[in-house]
Amino acid sequence: MTENDAAAVTRVGPPPRHHLALMIWVAVFPTLTALQLLLGDLLAGAPTVLRTLVLATIAVPIVIYGLMPPLQRLRVRLLARRS
């Protein structure tokens, strides 16, 4: 990648809402599904609000720090490829 290519990649702006919504869905759905499969039996007797609190407390950091950065880099690469 040349310096001009790197500059073009860094100029990609923030995602439009529909891109962001898709990226969030792609990150959240499998994360919640995996957590339900892993913790579903453990949380089965818990009240709905407590189950939701536990799942959200675990899922949000996974999505924000673990899954969204690679998805954003993928979006930038795909947009750079189109230009």
Protein backbone atom coordinates (compact mmCIF):
# COMPACT_ATOMS: atom_id res chain seq x y z
CA MET A 1 0.00 0.00 0.00
CA THR A 2 1.44 3.35 -1.02
CA GLU A 3 1.24 6.52 1.04
CA ASN A 4 -1.54 7.83 -1.23
CA ASP A 5 -3.53 4.61 -0.72
CA ALA A 6 -3.16 4.95 3.05
CA ALA A 7 -4.32 8.56 2.87
CA ALA A 8 -7.37 7.54 0.83
CA VAL A 9 -8.27 4.87 3.37
CA THR A 10 -8.03 7.29 6.29
CA ARG A 11 -10.37 9.74 4.52
CA VAL A 12 -13.34 7.39 4.73
CA GLY A 13 -15.91 9.16 6.86
CA PRO A 14 -18.17 7.77 9.51
CA PRO A 15 -20.60 5.13 8.32
CA PRO A 16 -24.10 6.09 7.24
CA ARG A 17 -26.78 4.95 9.66
CA HIS A 18 -27.75 1.93 7.57
CA HIS A 19 -24.12 0.72 7.44
CA LEU A 20 -23.76 1.22 11.18
CA ALA A 21 -27.05 -0.57 11.85
CA LEU A 22 -25.92 -3.53 9.74
CA MET A 23 -22.50 -3.69 11.43
CA ILE A 24 -24.13 -3.58 14.87
CA TRP A 25 -26.59 -6.31 13.92
CA VAL A 26 -23.79 -8.49 12.51
CA ALA A 27 -21.92 -8.10 15.81
CA VAL A 28 -24.81 -8.27 18.29
CA PHE A 29 -26.88 -11.16 16.93
CA PRO A 30 -24.16 -13.85 17.00
CA THR A 31 -22.83 -12.52 20.32
CA LEU A 32 -26.21 -12.76 22.01
CA THR A 33 -26.87 -16.15 20.43
CA ALA A 34 -23.55 -17.52 21.71
CA LEU A 35 -24.12 -16.07 25.17
CA GLN A 36 -27.62 -17.56 25.31
CA LEU A 37 -26.22 -20.96 24.36
CA LEU A 38 -23.42 -20.69 26.93
CA LEU A 39 -25.36 -19.14 29.80
CA GLY A 40 -28.98 -20.01 29.04
CA ASP A 41 -29.19 -22.93 31.49
CA LEU A 42 -27.39 -20.97 34.20
CA LEU A 43 -29.75 -18.00 33.83
CA ALA A 44 -32.93 -19.98 33.12
CA GLY A 45 -34.46 -19.39 36.55
CA ALA A 46 -33.45 -15.73 36.76
CA PRO A 47 -35.97 -12.95 36.23
CA THR A 48 -36.02 -11.47 32.73
CA VAL A 49 -34.50 -8.15 33.84
CA LEU A 50 -31.59 -9.90 35.57
CA ARG A 51 -30.96 -12.15 32.52
CA THR A 52 -30.99 -9.09 30.28
CA LEU A 53 -28.63 -7.21 32.61
CA VAL A 54 -26.14 -10.10 32.69
CA LEU A 55 -26.24 -10.66 28.93
CA ALA A 56 -25.94 -6.93 28.13
CA THR A 57 -23.09 -6.50 30.62
CA ILE A 58 -21.14 -9.25 28.86
CA ALA A 59 -22.24 -8.54 25.27
CA VAL A 60 -21.65 -4.79 25.08
CA PRO A 61 -17.88 -4.87 25.72
CA ILE A 62 -17.49 -7.85 23.37
CA VAL A 63 -19.29 -5.97 20.61
CA ILE A 64 -17.75 -2.52 21.19
CA TYR A 65 -14.14 -3.53 21.86
CA GLY A 66 -13.90 -6.90 20.15
CA LEU A 67 -16.16 -6.97 17.11
CA MET A 68 -16.86 -3.42 15.95
CA PRO A 69 -13.21 -2.41 15.29
CA PRO A 70 -12.63 -5.30 12.82
CA LEU A 71 -16.00 -4.63 11.19
CA GLN A 72 -15.10 -0.95 10.79
CA ARG A 73 -11.72 -1.89 9.27
CA LEU A 74 -13.50 -4.27 6.90
CA ARG A 75 -15.89 -1.49 5.88
CA VAL A 76 -12.96 0.86 5.17
CA ARG A 77 -11.21 -1.81 3.06
CA LEU A 78 -14.38 -2.53 1.10
CA LEU A 79 -14.97 1.16 0.43
CA ALA A 80 -11.33 1.69 -0.57
CA ARG A 81 -11.62 -1.24 -2.99
CA ARG A 82 -14.65 0.38 -4.64
CA SER A 83 -12.81 3.67 -5.25
